[in-house]
Amino acid sequence: MKIQDVVFILVFIFLVFKRNPRWAVYAGVISLLLSIPLFSLWIFFTAERLTWYAAAFFLISIILSFWGKKGKSVKIRE
């Protein structure tokens, strides 16, 4: 397990406990932005990991968004 994996796990756990989907989206976008220069420098292993981390952050954001709306009724204007 590399240091990037440990950092990902710590950030992921923090975001799950914080329960803020917006922060998870920001973490995903930051992961993608960090992977772009790594792909251009041909550092594929770390760049690929960062894209997988971004996908995990986006997934947790979707789950937290749906979980936050559970039980809330939607009012539609007429």
Protein backbone atom coordinates (compact mmCIF):
# COMPACT_ATOMS: atom_id res chain seq x y z
CA MET A 1 0.00 0.00 0.00
CA LYS A 2 1.49 3.30 -1.08
CA ILE A 3 1.21 6.68 0.58
CA GLN A 4 -1.36 7.81 -2.01
CA ASP A 5 -3.62 4.92 -0.99
CA VAL A 6 -3.36 5.87 2.67
CA VAL A 7 -4.17 9.51 1.90
CA PHE A 8 -7.14 8.43 -0.23
CA ILE A 9 -8.52 6.21 2.53
CA LEU A 10 -8.17 8.96 5.12
CA VAL A 11 -9.84 11.56 2.90
CA PHE A 12 -12.58 9.10 1.93
CA ILE A 13 -13.35 8.28 5.56
CA PHE A 14 -13.36 11.99 6.43
CA LEU A 15 -15.83 12.73 3.62
CA VAL A 16 -18.12 9.87 4.66
CA PHE A 17 -18.25 11.14 8.23
CA LYS A 18 -18.63 14.78 7.11
CA ARG A 19 -21.57 13.80 4.84
CA ASN A 20 -21.14 16.77 2.51
CA PRO A 21 -21.55 15.69 -1.13
CA ARG A 22 -20.14 18.97 -2.42
CA TRP A 23 -16.79 18.32 -0.72
CA ALA A 24 -16.68 14.86 -2.30
CA VAL A 25 -17.18 16.42 -5.75
CA TYR A 26 -14.38 18.89 -5.06
CA ALA A 27 -12.10 16.03 -4.02
CA GLY A 28 -12.95 14.18 -7.24
CA VAL A 29 -12.24 17.21 -9.41
CA ILE A 30 -8.95 17.84 -7.61
CA SER A 31 -7.98 14.20 -8.18
CA LEU A 32 -8.68 14.55 -11.90
CA LEU A 33 -6.77 17.82 -12.13
CA LEU A 34 -3.77 16.25 -10.39
CA SER A 35 -3.84 13.27 -12.76
CA ILE A 36 -3.61 15.33 -15.96
CA PRO A 37 0.05 16.39 -15.57
CA LEU A 38 0.97 12.87 -14.47
CA PHE A 39 -0.50 11.42 -17.66
CA SER A 40 1.47 13.93 -19.74
CA LEU A 41 4.66 12.92 -17.89
CA TRP A 42 3.92 9.22 -18.56
CA ILE A 43 3.48 8.38 -14.89
CA PHE A 44 0.56 6.11 -15.63
CA PHE A 45 0.25 4.10 -12.42
CA THR A 46 -0.31 7.11 -10.16
CA ALA A 47 -2.43 8.94 -12.73
CA GLU A 48 -4.66 5.92 -13.20
CA ARG A 49 -5.05 5.57 -9.44
CA LEU A 50 -6.06 9.22 -9.18
CA THR A 51 -8.78 8.71 -11.80
CA TRP A 52 -10.10 5.72 -9.83
CA TYR A 53 -10.04 7.83 -6.67
CA ALA A 54 -12.00 10.55 -8.49
CA ALA A 55 -14.60 7.98 -9.51
CA ALA A 56 -14.89 6.83 -5.89
CA PHE A 57 -15.30 10.42 -4.71
CA PHE A 58 -18.01 11.05 -7.31
CA LEU A 59 -19.78 7.83 -6.31
CA ILE A 60 -19.76 8.76 -2.62
CA SER A 61 -21.08 12.20 -3.58
CA ILE A 62 -24.01 10.62 -5.43
CA ILE A 63 -24.72 8.25 -2.54
CA LEU A 64 -24.59 11.09 0.00
CA SER A 65 -26.87 13.22 -2.17
CA PHE A 66 -29.51 10.49 -2.37
CA TRP A 67 -29.10 9.63 1.29
CA GLY A 68 -29.56 13.27 2.28
CA LYS A 69 -32.80 13.52 0.31
CA LYS A 70 -34.23 10.34 1.79
CA GLY A 71 -37.44 11.07 3.63
CA LYS A 72 -37.78 14.61 2.29
CA SER A 73 -40.79 15.26 0.15
CA VAL A 74 -40.48 17.31 -2.99
CA LYS A 75 -42.95 20.16 -3.38
CA ILE A 76 -44.04 20.96 -6.90
CA ARG A 77 -45.47 24.35 -7.71
CA GLU A 78 -48.76 24.40 -9.53
